[in-house]
Amino acid sequence: MREEDEDDDDNEAGPGAGQRLDKWLWYARILKSRTLAAEAVAAGRIRVNRVRVAKPAYAVKPGDVVTVALRGKVHVLRILTTGERRGPPSEARTLYEDVSAAASVDKLTDAGK
């Protein structure tokens, strides 16, 4: 193994490094399949902490902010925890906090003053 390979991408998913972005998007039920999640990441429709991510294997962890641009809408989600499985929608909603909804409410409140 070349020495360069070890330093190629410090953020590749590995033991204890978090969870793959495509897997988290699927577990959180943001996208219907892991393949669609990987394609969205590769197409540049997903950002993590304001930086466009090109690899579906990018490791995310609690506290990261994921911006998803899909179906003409932009959703900003703060990761609360990584998933263990793709459970029901009620379980999926516990993986993240939708901060784009809070921002929309703040704008409406400010506009009404």
PDB file of N, CA and C in Angstrom:
ATOM      1  N   MET A   1       0.844  -1.174   0.000  1.00  0.00           N
ATOM      2  CA  MET A   1       0.000   0.000   0.000  1.00  0.00           C
ATOM      3  C   MET A   1       0.888   1.235   0.000  1.00  0.00           C
ATOM      4  N   ARG A   2       0.554   2.192  -0.858  1.00  0.00           N
ATOM      5  CA  ARG A   2       1.330   3.418  -0.933  1.00  0.00           C
ATOM      6  C   ARG A   2       1.045   4.311   0.266  1.00  0.00           C
ATOM      7  N   GLU A   3       2.042   5.055   0.658  1.00  0.00           N
ATOM      8  CA  GLU A   3       1.887   5.964   1.793  1.00  0.00           C
ATOM      9  C   GLU A   3       0.866   7.057   1.486  1.00  0.00           C
ATOM     10  N   GLU A   4       0.787   7.488   0.212  1.00  0.00           N
ATOM     11  CA  GLU A   4      -0.148   8.539  -0.191  1.00  0.00           C
ATOM     12  C   GLU A   4      -1.597   8.111   0.028  1.00  0.00           C
ATOM     13  N   ASP A   5      -1.889   6.821  -0.173  1.00  0.00           N
ATOM     14  CA  ASP A   5      -3.248   6.324  -0.043  1.00  0.00           C
ATOM     15  C   ASP A   5      -3.810   6.554   1.350  1.00  0.00           C
ATOM     16  N   GLU A   6      -2.947   6.517   2.346  1.00  0.00           N
ATOM     17  CA  GLU A   6      -3.409   6.684   3.717  1.00  0.00           C
ATOM     18  C   GLU A   6      -3.915   8.092   3.976  1.00  0.00           C
ATOM     19  N   ASP A   7      -3.365   9.082   3.273  1.00  0.00           N
ATOM     20  CA  ASP A   7      -3.721  10.474   3.511  1.00  0.00           C
ATOM     21  C   ASP A   7      -4.657  11.040   2.453  1.00  0.00           C
ATOM     22  N   ASP A   8      -5.114  10.223   1.500  1.00  0.00           N
ATOM     23  CA  ASP A   8      -5.938  10.727   0.404  1.00  0.00           C
ATOM     24  C   ASP A   8      -7.171  11.457   0.886  1.00  0.00           C
ATOM     25  N   ASP A   9      -7.910  10.872   1.797  1.00  0.00           N
ATOM     26  CA  ASP A   9      -9.133  11.504   2.271  1.00  0.00           C
ATOM     27  C   ASP A   9      -9.330  11.154   3.733  1.00  0.00           C
ATOM     28  N   ASP A  10      -9.028  12.098   4.584  1.00  0.00           N
ATOM     29  CA  ASP A  10      -9.142  11.858   6.020  1.00  0.00           C
ATOM     30  C   ASP A  10     -10.576  11.655   6.462  1.00  0.00           C
ATOM     31  N   ASN A  11     -11.555  12.023   5.610  1.00  0.00           N
ATOM     32  CA  ASN A  11     -12.942  11.969   6.024  1.00  0.00           C
ATOM     33  C   ASN A  11     -13.678  10.758   5.455  1.00  0.00           C
ATOM     34  N   GLU A  12     -12.973   9.767   4.953  1.00  0.00           N
ATOM     35  CA  GLU A  12     -13.640   8.554   4.499  1.00  0.00           C
ATOM     36  C   GLU A  12     -14.228   7.832   5.700  1.00  0.00           C
ATOM     37  N   ALA A  13     -15.392   7.237   5.510  1.00  0.00           N
ATOM     38  CA  ALA A  13     -16.036   6.516   6.607  1.00  0.00           C
ATOM     39  C   ALA A  13     -15.161   5.340   7.023  1.00  0.00           C
ATOM     40  N   GLY A  14     -14.970   5.204   8.282  1.00  0.00           N
ATOM     41  CA  GLY A  14     -14.176   4.108   8.818  1.00  0.00           C
ATOM     42  C   GLY A  14     -14.626   3.838  10.234  1.00  0.00           C
ATOM     43  N   PRO A  15     -14.022   2.898  10.904  1.00  0.00           N
ATOM     44  CA  PRO A  15     -14.418   2.595  12.267  1.00  0.00           C
ATOM     45  C   PRO A  15     -14.297   3.820  13.168  1.00  0.00           C
ATOM     46  N   GLY A  16     -15.382   4.187  13.804  1.00  0.00           N
ATOM     47  CA  GLY A  16     -15.374   5.308  14.726  1.00  0.00           C
ATOM     48  C   GLY A  16     -15.350   6.678  14.068  1.00  0.00           C
ATOM     49  N   ALA A  17     -15.428   6.732  12.731  1.00  0.00           N
ATOM     50  CA  ALA A  17     -15.304   8.004  12.024  1.00  0.00           C
ATOM     51  C   ALA A  17     -16.645   8.639  11.722  1.00  0.00           C
ATOM     52  N   GLY A  18     -17.735   8.059  12.156  1.00  0.00           N
ATOM     53  CA  GLY A  18     -19.052   8.587  11.830  1.00  0.00           C
ATOM     54  C   GLY A  18     -19.794   7.602  10.946  1.00  0.00           C
ATOM     55  N   GLN A  19     -20.629   8.147  10.067  1.00  0.00           N
ATOM     56  CA  GLN A  19     -21.423   7.291   9.186  1.00  0.00           C
ATOM     57  C   GLN A  19     -21.391   7.853   7.779  1.00  0.00           C
ATOM     58  N   ARG A  20     -21.416   6.972   6.796  1.00  0.00           N
ATOM     59  CA  ARG A  20     -21.428   7.415   5.398  1.00  0.00           C
ATOM     60  C   ARG A  20     -22.633   8.330   5.161  1.00  0.00           C
ATOM     61  N   LEU A  21     -22.411   9.382   4.404  1.00  0.00           N
ATOM     62  CA  LEU A  21     -23.470  10.350   4.118  1.00  0.00           C
ATOM     63  C   LEU A  21     -24.642   9.713   3.396  1.00  0.00           C
ATOM     64  N   ASP A  22     -24.381   8.889   2.391  1.00  0.00           N
ATOM     65  CA  ASP A  22     -25.487   8.263   1.649  1.00  0.00           C
ATOM     66  C   ASP A  22     -26.316   7.348   2.546  1.00  0.00           C
ATOM     67  N   LYS A  23     -25.651   6.657   3.456  1.00  0.00           N
ATOM     68  CA  LYS A  23     -26.347   5.767   4.375  1.00  0.00           C
ATOM     69  C   LYS A  23     -27.201   6.573   5.360  1.00  0.00           C
ATOM     70  N   TRP A  24     -26.639   7.680   5.865  1.00  0.00           N
ATOM     71  CA  TRP A  24     -27.398   8.518   6.803  1.00  0.00           C
ATOM     72  C   TRP A  24     -28.628   9.118   6.127  1.00  0.00           C
ATOM     73  N   LEU A  25     -28.482   9.594   4.889  1.00  0.00           N
ATOM     74  CA  LEU A  25     -29.625  10.161   4.155  1.00  0.00           C
ATOM     75  C   LEU A  25     -30.721   9.118   3.968  1.00  0.00           C
ATOM     76  N   TRP A  26     -30.330   7.880   3.742  1.00  0.00           N
ATOM     77  CA  TRP A  26     -31.299   6.793   3.567  1.00  0.00           C
ATOM     78  C   TRP A  26     -31.944   6.431   4.906  1.00  0.00           C
ATOM     79  N   TYR A  27     -31.131   6.286   5.958  1.00  0.00           N
ATOM     80  CA  TYR A  27     -31.677   5.976   7.284  1.00  0.00           C
ATOM     81  C   TYR A  27     -32.650   7.060   7.749  1.00  0.00           C
ATOM     82  N   ALA A  28     -32.334   8.331   7.468  1.00  0.00           N
ATOM     83  CA  ALA A  28     -33.167   9.452   7.894  1.00  0.00           C
ATOM     84  C   ALA A  28     -34.373   9.648   6.979  1.00  0.00           C
ATOM     85  N   ARG A  29     -34.491   8.801   5.966  1.00  0.00           N
ATOM     86  CA  ARG A  29     -35.613   8.847   5.031  1.00  0.00           C
ATOM     87  C   ARG A  29     -35.703  10.166   4.272  1.00  0.00           C
ATOM     88  N   ILE A  30     -34.543  10.761   3.997  1.00  0.00           N
ATOM     89  CA  ILE A  30     -34.500  11.963   3.172  1.00  0.00           C
ATOM     90  C   ILE A  30     -34.666  11.544   1.712  1.00  0.00           C
ATOM     91  N   LEU A  31     -34.092  10.398   1.362  1.00  0.00           N
ATOM     92  CA  LEU A  31     -34.227   9.828   0.018  1.00  0.00           C
ATOM     93  C   LEU A  31     -34.682   8.380   0.133  1.00  0.00           C
ATOM     94  N   LYS A  32     -35.362   7.911  -0.918  1.00  0.00           N
ATOM     95  CA  LYS A  32     -36.005   6.594  -0.865  1.00  0.00           C
ATOM     96  C   LYS A  32     -35.043   5.414  -0.910  1.00  0.00           C
ATOM     97  N   SER A  33     -33.876   5.604  -1.522  1.00  0.00           N
ATOM     98  CA  SER A  33     -32.929   4.494  -1.585  1.00  0.00           C
ATOM     99  C   SER A  33     -31.515   5.021  -1.385  1.00  0.00           C
ATOM    100  N   ARG A  34     -30.641   4.127  -1.035  1.00  0.00           N
ATOM    101  CA  ARG A  34     -29.248   4.516  -0.839  1.00  0.00           C
ATOM    102  C   ARG A  34     -28.610   4.884  -2.170  1.00  0.00           C
ATOM    103  N   THR A  35     -29.050   4.245  -3.240  1.00  0.00           N
ATOM    104  CA  THR A  35     -28.546   4.570  -4.572  1.00  0.00           C
ATOM    105  C   THR A  35     -28.919   5.995  -4.950  1.00  0.00           C
ATOM    106  N   LEU A  36     -30.171   6.382  -4.695  1.00  0.00           N
ATOM    107  CA  LEU A  36     -30.598   7.757  -4.974  1.00  0.00           C
ATOM    108  C   LEU A  36     -29.815   8.750  -4.117  1.00  0.00           C
ATOM    109  N   ALA A  37     -29.536   8.373  -2.883  1.00  0.00           N
ATOM    110  CA  ALA A  37     -28.752   9.235  -1.995  1.00  0.00           C
ATOM    111  C   ALA A  37     -27.340   9.418  -2.552  1.00  0.00           C
ATOM    112  N   ALA A  38     -26.727   8.340  -2.996  1.00  0.00           N
ATOM    113  CA  ALA A  38     -25.376   8.416  -3.564  1.00  0.00           C
ATOM    114  C   ALA A  38     -25.369   9.266  -4.830  1.00  0.00           C
ATOM    115  N   GLU A  39     -26.404   9.125  -5.652  1.00  0.00           N
ATOM    116  CA  GLU A  39     -26.496   9.923  -6.877  1.00  0.00           C
ATOM    117  C   GLU A  39     -26.682  11.406  -6.566  1.00  0.00           C
ATOM    118  N   ALA A  40     -27.477  11.732  -5.548  1.00  0.00           N
ATOM    119  CA  ALA A  40     -27.687  13.126  -5.159  1.00  0.00           C
ATOM    120  C   ALA A  40     -26.377  13.745  -4.662  1.00  0.00           C
ATOM    121  N   VAL A  41     -25.612  12.979  -3.900  1.00  0.00           N
ATOM    122  CA  VAL A  41     -24.327  13.470  -3.410  1.00  0.00           C
ATOM    123  C   VAL A  41     -23.388  13.708  -4.589  1.00  0.00           C
ATOM    124  N   ALA A  42     -23.301  12.741  -5.493  1.00  0.00           N
ATOM    125  CA  ALA A  42     -22.409  12.853  -6.652  1.00  0.00           C
ATOM    126  C   ALA A  42     -22.815  14.009  -7.568  1.00  0.00           C
ATOM    127  N   ALA A  43     -24.107  14.319  -7.618  1.00  0.00           N
ATOM    128  CA  ALA A  43     -24.604  15.401  -8.469  1.00  0.00           C
ATOM    129  C   ALA A  43     -24.416  16.778  -7.823  1.00  0.00           C
ATOM    130  N   GLY A  44     -23.963  16.815  -6.577  1.00  0.00           N
ATOM    131  CA  GLY A  44     -23.698  18.081  -5.918  1.00  0.00           C
ATOM    132  C   GLY A  44     -24.904  18.722  -5.264  1.00  0.00           C
ATOM    133  N   ARG A  45     -25.952  17.949  -5.012  1.00  0.00           N
ATOM    134  CA  ARG A  45     -27.156  18.498  -4.381  1.00  0.00           C
ATOM    135  C   ARG A  45     -27.126  18.442  -2.854  1.00  0.00           C
ATOM    136  N   ILE A  46     -26.018  17.943  -2.305  1.00  0.00           N
ATOM    137  CA  ILE A  46     -25.889  17.798  -0.850  1.00  0.00           C
ATOM    138  C   ILE A  46     -24.645  18.553  -0.389  1.00  0.00           C
ATOM    139  N   ARG A  47     -24.792  19.315   0.688  1.00  0.00           N
ATOM    140  CA  ARG A  47     -23.655  20.002   1.310  1.00  0.00           C
ATOM    141  C   ARG A  47     -23.592  19.596   2.779  1.00  0.00           C
ATOM    142  N   VAL A  48     -22.391  19.536   3.308  1.00  0.00           N
ATOM    143  CA  VAL A  48     -22.196  19.273   4.729  1.00  0.00           C
ATOM    144  C   VAL A  48     -21.379  20.430   5.285  1.00  0.00           C
ATOM    145  N   ASN A  49     -21.941  21.099   6.287  1.00  0.00           N
ATOM    146  CA  ASN A  49     -21.292  22.268   6.893  1.00  0.00           C
ATOM    147  C   ASN A  49     -20.899  23.293   5.825  1.00  0.00           C
ATOM    148  N   ARG A  50     -21.832  23.566   4.909  1.00  0.00           N
ATOM    149  CA  ARG A  50     -21.718  24.554   3.828  1.00  0.00           C
ATOM    150  C   ARG A  50     -20.751  24.182   2.715  1.00  0.00           C
ATOM    151  N   VAL A  51     -20.176  22.998   2.747  1.00  0.00           N
ATOM    152  CA  VAL A  51     -19.219  22.574   1.735  1.00  0.00           C
ATOM    153  C   VAL A  51     -19.848  21.476   0.886  1.00  0.00           C
ATOM    154  N   ARG A  52     -19.817  21.651  -0.433  1.00  0.00           N
ATOM    155  CA  ARG A  52     -20.359  20.631  -1.328  1.00  0.00           C
ATOM    156  C   ARG A  52     -19.537  19.359  -1.193  1.00  0.00           C
ATOM    157  N   VAL A  53     -20.219  18.248  -1.069  1.00  0.00           N
ATOM    158  CA  VAL A  53     -19.574  16.951  -0.895  1.00  0.00           C
ATOM    159  C   VAL A  53     -19.700  16.183  -2.204  1.00  0.00           C
ATOM    160  N   ALA A  54     -18.607  15.576  -2.650  1.00  0.00           N
ATOM    161  CA  ALA A  54     -18.610  14.857  -3.918  1.00  0.00           C
ATOM    162  C   ALA A  54     -18.682  13.343  -3.743  1.00  0.00           C
ATOM    163  N   LYS A  55     -18.361  12.848  -2.547  1.00  0.00           N
ATOM    164  CA  LYS A  55     -18.297  11.398  -2.335  1.00  0.00           C
ATOM    165  C   LYS A  55     -19.398  10.926  -1.396  1.00  0.00           C
ATOM    166  N   PRO A  56     -20.148   9.908  -1.814  1.00  0.00           N
ATOM    167  CA  PRO A  56     -21.173   9.344  -0.930  1.00  0.00           C
ATOM    168  C   PRO A  56     -20.589   8.758   0.357  1.00  0.00           C
ATOM    169  N   ALA A  57     -19.303   8.429   0.358  1.00  0.00           N
ATOM    170  CA  ALA A  57     -18.662   7.832   1.534  1.00  0.00           C
ATOM    171  C   ALA A  57     -18.201   8.878   2.544  1.00  0.00           C
ATOM    172  N   TYR A  58     -18.479  10.148   2.298  1.00  0.00           N
ATOM    173  CA  TYR A  58     -18.103  11.202   3.233  1.00  0.00           C
ATOM    174  C   TYR A  58     -18.705  10.892   4.606  1.00  0.00           C
ATOM    175  N   ALA A  59     -17.906  10.966   5.649  1.00  0.00           N
ATOM    176  CA  ALA A  59     -18.362  10.595   6.992  1.00  0.00           C
ATOM    177  C   ALA A  59     -19.027  11.792   7.673  1.00  0.00           C
ATOM    178  N   VAL A  60     -20.243  11.586   8.142  1.00  0.00           N
ATOM    179  CA  VAL A  60     -20.949  12.617   8.900  1.00  0.00           C
ATOM    180  C   VAL A  60     -21.066  12.166  10.349  1.00  0.00           C
ATOM    181  N   LYS A  61     -21.228  13.140  11.231  1.00  0.00           N
ATOM    182  CA  LYS A  61     -21.312  12.842  12.665  1.00  0.00           C
ATOM    183  C   LYS A  61     -22.315  13.791  13.302  1.00  0.00           C
ATOM    184  N   PRO A  62     -22.769  13.496  14.499  1.00  0.00           N
ATOM    185  CA  PRO A  62     -23.692  14.403  15.181  1.00  0.00           C
ATOM    186  C   PRO A  62     -23.100  15.811  15.276  1.00  0.00           C
ATOM    187  N   GLY A  63     -23.957  16.795  15.010  1.00  0.00           N
ATOM    188  CA  GLY A  63     -23.531  18.185  15.025  1.00  0.00           C
ATOM    189  C   GLY A  63     -23.308  18.759  13.637  1.00  0.00           C
ATOM    190  N   ASP A  64     -23.065  17.893  12.644  1.00  0.00           N
ATOM    191  CA  ASP A  64     -22.901  18.369  11.271  1.00  0.00           C
ATOM    192  C   ASP A  64     -24.223  18.925  10.758  1.00  0.00           C
ATOM    193  N   VAL A  65     -24.143  19.923   9.873  1.00  0.00           N
ATOM    194  CA  VAL A  65     -25.333  20.502   9.255  1.00  0.00           C
ATOM    195  C   VAL A  65     -25.338  20.085   7.792  1.00  0.00           C
ATOM    196  N   VAL A  66     -26.396  19.405   7.379  1.00  0.00           N
ATOM    197  CA  VAL A  66     -26.531  18.897   6.022  1.00  0.00           C
ATOM    198  C   VAL A  66     -27.563  19.749   5.293  1.00  0.00           C
ATOM    199  N   THR A  67     -27.186  20.277   4.131  1.00  0.00           N
ATOM    200  CA  THR A  67     -28.100  21.044   3.291  1.00  0.00           C
ATOM    201  C   THR A  67     -28.448  20.192   2.086  1.00  0.00           C
ATOM    202  N   VAL A  68     -29.744  19.982   1.887  1.00  0.00           N
ATOM    203  CA  VAL A  68     -30.225  19.104   0.827  1.00  0.00           C
ATOM    204  C   VAL A  68     -31.097  19.922  -0.124  1.00  0.00           C
ATOM    205  N   ALA A  69     -30.740  19.947  -1.405  1.00  0.00           N
ATOM    206  CA  ALA A  69     -31.532  20.639  -2.417  1.00  0.00           C
ATOM    207  C   ALA A  69     -32.207  19.586  -3.292  1.00  0.00           C
ATOM    208  N   LEU A  70     -33.502  19.365  -3.051  1.00  0.00           N
ATOM    209  CA  LEU A  70     -34.255  18.353  -3.796  1.00  0.00           C
ATOM    210  C   LEU A  70     -35.649  18.862  -4.122  1.00  0.00           C
ATOM    211  N   ARG A  71     -36.124  18.499  -5.282  1.00  0.00           N
ATOM    212  CA  ARG A  71     -37.492  18.794  -5.697  1.00  0.00           C
ATOM    213  C   ARG A  71     -37.853  20.268  -5.545  1.00  0.00           C
ATOM    214  N   GLY A  72     -36.920  21.149  -5.897  1.00  0.00           N
ATOM    215  CA  GLY A  72     -37.173  22.578  -5.860  1.00  0.00           C
ATOM    216  C   GLY A  72     -37.183  23.196  -4.480  1.00  0.00           C
ATOM    217  N   LYS A  73     -36.790  22.468  -3.463  1.00  0.00           N
ATOM    218  CA  LYS A  73     -36.753  22.988  -2.093  1.00  0.00           C
ATOM    219  C   LYS A  73     -35.384  22.732  -1.484  1.00  0.00           C
ATOM    220  N   VAL A  74     -35.040  23.576  -0.527  1.00  0.00           N
ATOM    221  CA  VAL A  74     -33.778  23.406   0.189  1.00  0.00           C
ATOM    222  C   VAL A  74     -34.114  23.116   1.651  1.00  0.00           C
ATOM    223  N   HIS A  75     -33.561  22.035   2.166  1.00  0.00           N
ATOM    224  CA  HIS A  75     -33.769  21.644   3.563  1.00  0.00           C
ATOM    225  C   HIS A  75     -32.426  21.699   4.279  1.00  0.00           C
ATOM    226  N   VAL A  76     -32.412  22.309   5.446  1.00  0.00           N
ATOM    227  CA  VAL A  76     -31.201  22.385   6.258  1.00  0.00           C
ATOM    228  C   VAL A  76     -31.453  21.546   7.503  1.00  0.00           C
ATOM    229  N   LEU A  77     -30.631  20.513   7.679  1.00  0.00           N
ATOM    230  CA  LEU A  77     -30.827  19.549   8.758  1.00  0.00           C
ATOM    231  C   LEU A  77     -29.588  19.457   9.630  1.00  0.00           C
ATOM    232  N   ARG A  78     -29.774  19.492  10.928  1.00  0.00           N
ATOM    233  CA  ARG A  78     -28.671  19.283  11.861  1.00  0.00           C
ATOM    234  C   ARG A  78     -28.733  17.831  12.319  1.00  0.00           C
ATOM    235  N   ILE A  79     -27.637  17.106  12.155  1.00  0.00           N
ATOM    236  CA  ILE A  79     -27.588  15.701  12.543  1.00  0.00           C
ATOM    237  C   ILE A  79     -27.526  15.599  14.061  1.00  0.00           C
ATOM    238  N   LEU A  80     -28.487  14.896  14.632  1.00  0.00           N
ATOM    239  CA  LEU A  80     -28.515  14.673  16.080  1.00  0.00           C
ATOM    240  C   LEU A  80     -27.828  13.377  16.455  1.00  0.00           C
ATOM    241  N   THR A  81     -27.981  12.367  15.601  1.00  0.00           N
ATOM    242  CA  THR A  81     -27.359  11.068  15.850  1.00  0.00           C
ATOM    243  C   THR A  81     -27.236  10.309  14.537  1.00  0.00           C
ATOM    244  N   THR A  82     -26.344   9.332  14.511  1.00  0.00           N
ATOM    245  CA  THR A  82     -26.243   8.462  13.342  1.00  0.00           C
ATOM    246  C   THR A  82     -27.244   7.323  13.513  1.00  0.00           C
ATOM    247  N   GLY A  83     -27.625   6.725  12.412  1.00  0.00           N
ATOM    248  CA  GLY A  83     -28.627   5.671  12.462  1.00  0.00           C
ATOM    249  C   GLY A  83     -28.045   4.289  12.613  1.00  0.00           C
ATOM    250  N   GLU A  84     -28.857   3.405  13.133  1.00  0.00           N
ATOM    251  CA  GLU A  84     -28.483   1.992  13.256  1.00  0.00           C
ATOM    252  C   GLU A  84     -29.177   1.164  12.189  1.00  0.00           C
ATOM    253  N   ARG A  85     -30.348   1.669  11.731  1.00  0.00           N
ATOM    254  CA  ARG A  85     -31.133   0.941  10.733  1.00  0.00           C
ATOM    255  C   ARG A  85     -32.088   1.924  10.067  1.00  0.00           C
ATOM    256  N   ARG A  86     -32.753   1.492   9.010  1.00  0.00           N
ATOM    257  CA  ARG A  86     -33.771   2.315   8.371  1.00  0.00           C
ATOM    258  C   ARG A  86     -35.111   1.925   8.964  1.00  0.00           C
ATOM    259  N   GLY A  87     -35.502   2.632   9.979  1.00  0.00           N
ATOM    260  CA  GLY A  87     -36.727   2.321  10.692  1.00  0.00           C
ATOM    261  C   GLY A  87     -37.911   3.112  10.162  1.00  0.00           C
ATOM    262  N   PRO A  88     -38.997   3.126  10.913  1.00  0.00           N
ATOM    263  CA  PRO A  88     -40.191   3.860  10.505  1.00  0.00           C
ATOM    264  C   PRO A  88     -39.924   5.373  10.502  1.00  0.00           C
ATOM    265  N   PRO A  89     -40.785   6.150   9.823  1.00  0.00           N
ATOM    266  CA  PRO A  89     -40.581   7.598   9.750  1.00  0.00           C
ATOM    267  C   PRO A  89     -40.448   8.271  11.113  1.00  0.00           C
ATOM    268  N   SER A  90     -41.182   7.805  12.106  1.00  0.00           N
ATOM    269  CA  SER A  90     -41.079   8.416  13.438  1.00  0.00           C
ATOM    270  C   SER A  90     -39.671   8.241  14.014  1.00  0.00           C
ATOM    271  N   GLU A  91     -39.057   7.104  13.773  1.00  0.00           N
ATOM    272  CA  GLU A  91     -37.687   6.861  14.232  1.00  0.00           C
ATOM    273  C   GLU A  91     -36.698   7.677  13.417  1.00  0.00           C
ATOM    274  N   ALA A  92     -36.938   7.794  12.111  1.00  0.00           N
ATOM    275  CA  ALA A  92     -36.044   8.547  11.231  1.00  0.00           C
ATOM    276  C   ALA A  92     -35.986  10.020  11.628  1.00  0.00           C
ATOM    277  N   ARG A  93     -37.112  10.584  12.058  1.00  0.00           N
ATOM    278  CA  ARG A  93     -37.152  12.000  12.444  1.00  0.00           C
ATOM    279  C   ARG A  93     -36.321  12.295  13.690  1.00  0.00           C
ATOM    280  N   THR A  94     -35.978  11.263  14.463  1.00  0.00           N
ATOM    281  CA  THR A  94     -35.148  11.483  15.649  1.00  0.00           C
ATOM    282  C   THR A  94     -33.663  11.623  15.295  1.00  0.00           C
ATOM    283  N   LEU A  95     -33.304  11.355  14.045  1.00  0.00           N
ATOM    284  CA  LEU A  95     -31.905  11.444  13.625  1.00  0.00           C
ATOM    285  C   LEU A  95     -31.468  12.875  13.331  1.00  0.00           C
ATOM    286  N   TYR A  96     -32.432  13.790  13.118  1.00  0.00           N
ATOM    287  CA  TYR A  96     -32.075  15.147  12.714  1.00  0.00           C
ATOM    288  C   TYR A  96     -33.059  16.178  13.251  1.00  0.00           C
ATOM    289  N   GLU A  97     -32.617  17.427  13.197  1.00  0.00           N
ATOM    290  CA  GLU A  97     -33.460  18.576  13.528  1.00  0.00           C
ATOM    291  C   GLU A  97     -33.517  19.435  12.270  1.00  0.00           C
ATOM    292  N   ASP A  98     -34.706  19.780  11.815  1.00  0.00           N
ATOM    293  CA  ASP A  98     -34.859  20.591  10.617  1.00  0.00           C
ATOM    294  C   ASP A  98     -34.706  22.059  11.002  1.00  0.00           C
ATOM    295  N   VAL A  99     -33.534  22.622  10.764  1.00  0.00           N
ATOM    296  CA  VAL A  99     -33.287  24.013  11.131  1.00  0.00           C
ATOM    297  C   VAL A  99     -33.777  24.974  10.063  1.00  0.00           C
ATOM    298  N   SER A 100     -34.101  24.477   8.866  1.00  0.00           N
ATOM    299  CA  SER A 100     -34.658  25.354   7.834  1.00  0.00           C
ATOM    300  C   SER A 100     -36.066  25.775   8.219  1.00  0.00           C
ATOM    301  N   ALA A 101     -36.808  24.923   8.904  1.00  0.00           N
ATOM    302  CA  ALA A 101     -38.156  25.271   9.355  1.00  0.00           C
ATOM    303  C   ALA A 101     -38.085  26.366  10.413  1.00  0.00           C
ATOM    304  N   ALA A 102     -37.113  26.298  11.314  1.00  0.00           N
ATOM    305  CA  ALA A 102     -36.956  27.318  12.350  1.00  0.00           C
ATOM    306  C   ALA A 102     -36.594  28.658  11.720  1.00  0.00           C
ATOM    307  N   ALA A 103     -35.769  28.630  10.681  1.00  0.00           N
ATOM    308  CA  ALA A 103     -35.380  29.866  10.009  1.00  0.00           C
ATOM    309  C   ALA A 103     -36.582  30.496   9.314  1.00  0.00           C
ATOM    310  N   SER A 104     -37.450  29.664   8.726  1.00  0.00           N
ATOM    311  CA  SER A 104     -38.645  30.178   8.054  1.00  0.00           C
ATOM    312  C   SER A 104     -39.583  30.838   9.049  1.00  0.00           C
ATOM    313  N   VAL A 105     -39.767  30.243  10.217  1.00  0.00           N
ATOM    314  CA  VAL A 105     -40.637  30.807  11.247  1.00  0.00           C
ATOM    315  C   VAL A 105     -40.059  32.141  11.721  1.00  0.00           C
ATOM    316  N   ASP A 106     -38.742  32.213  11.906  1.00  0.00           N
ATOM    317  CA  ASP A 106     -38.101  33.457  12.334  1.00  0.00           C
ATOM    318  C   ASP A 106     -38.325  34.570  11.320  1.00  0.00           C
ATOM    319  N   LYS A 107     -38.228  34.252  10.021  1.00  0.00           N
ATOM    320  CA  LYS A 107     -38.438  35.250   8.982  1.00  0.00           C
ATOM    321  C   LYS A 107     -39.878  35.750   9.010  1.00  0.00           C
ATOM    322  N   LEU A 108     -40.832  34.850   9.176  1.00  0.00           N
ATOM    323  CA  LEU A 108     -42.223  35.248   9.222  1.00  0.00           C
ATOM    324  C   LEU A 108     -42.499  36.118  10.440  1.00  0.00           C
ATOM    325  N   THR A 109     -41.894  35.772  11.568  1.00  0.00           N
ATOM    326  CA  THR A 109     -42.094  36.551  12.802  1.00  0.00           C
ATOM    327  C   THR A 109     -41.514  37.948  12.637  1.00  0.00           C
ATOM    328  N   ASP A 110     -40.321  38.051  12.039  1.00  0.00           N
ATOM    329  CA  ASP A 110     -39.678  39.356  11.821  1.00  0.00           C
ATOM    330  C   ASP A 110     -40.478  40.201  10.834  1.00  0.00           C
ATOM    331  N   ALA A 111     -41.044  39.572   9.831  1.00  0.00           N
ATOM    332  CA  ALA A 111     -41.819  40.301   8.822  1.00  0.00           C
ATOM    333  C   ALA A 111     -43.108  40.877   9.411  1.00  0.00           C
ATOM    334  N   GLY A 112     -43.648  40.238  10.446  1.00  0.00           N
ATOM    335  CA  GLY A 112     -44.895  40.679  11.053  1.00  0.00           C
ATOM    336  C   GLY A 112     -44.733  41.828  12.042  1.00  0.00           C
ATOM    337  N   LYS A 113     -43.495  42.202  12.339  1.00  0.00           N
ATOM    338  CA  LYS A 113     -43.244  43.264  13.330  1.00  0.00           C
ATOM    339  C   LYS A 113     -43.385  44.632  12.718  1.00  0.00           C
TER     340      LYS A 113
END
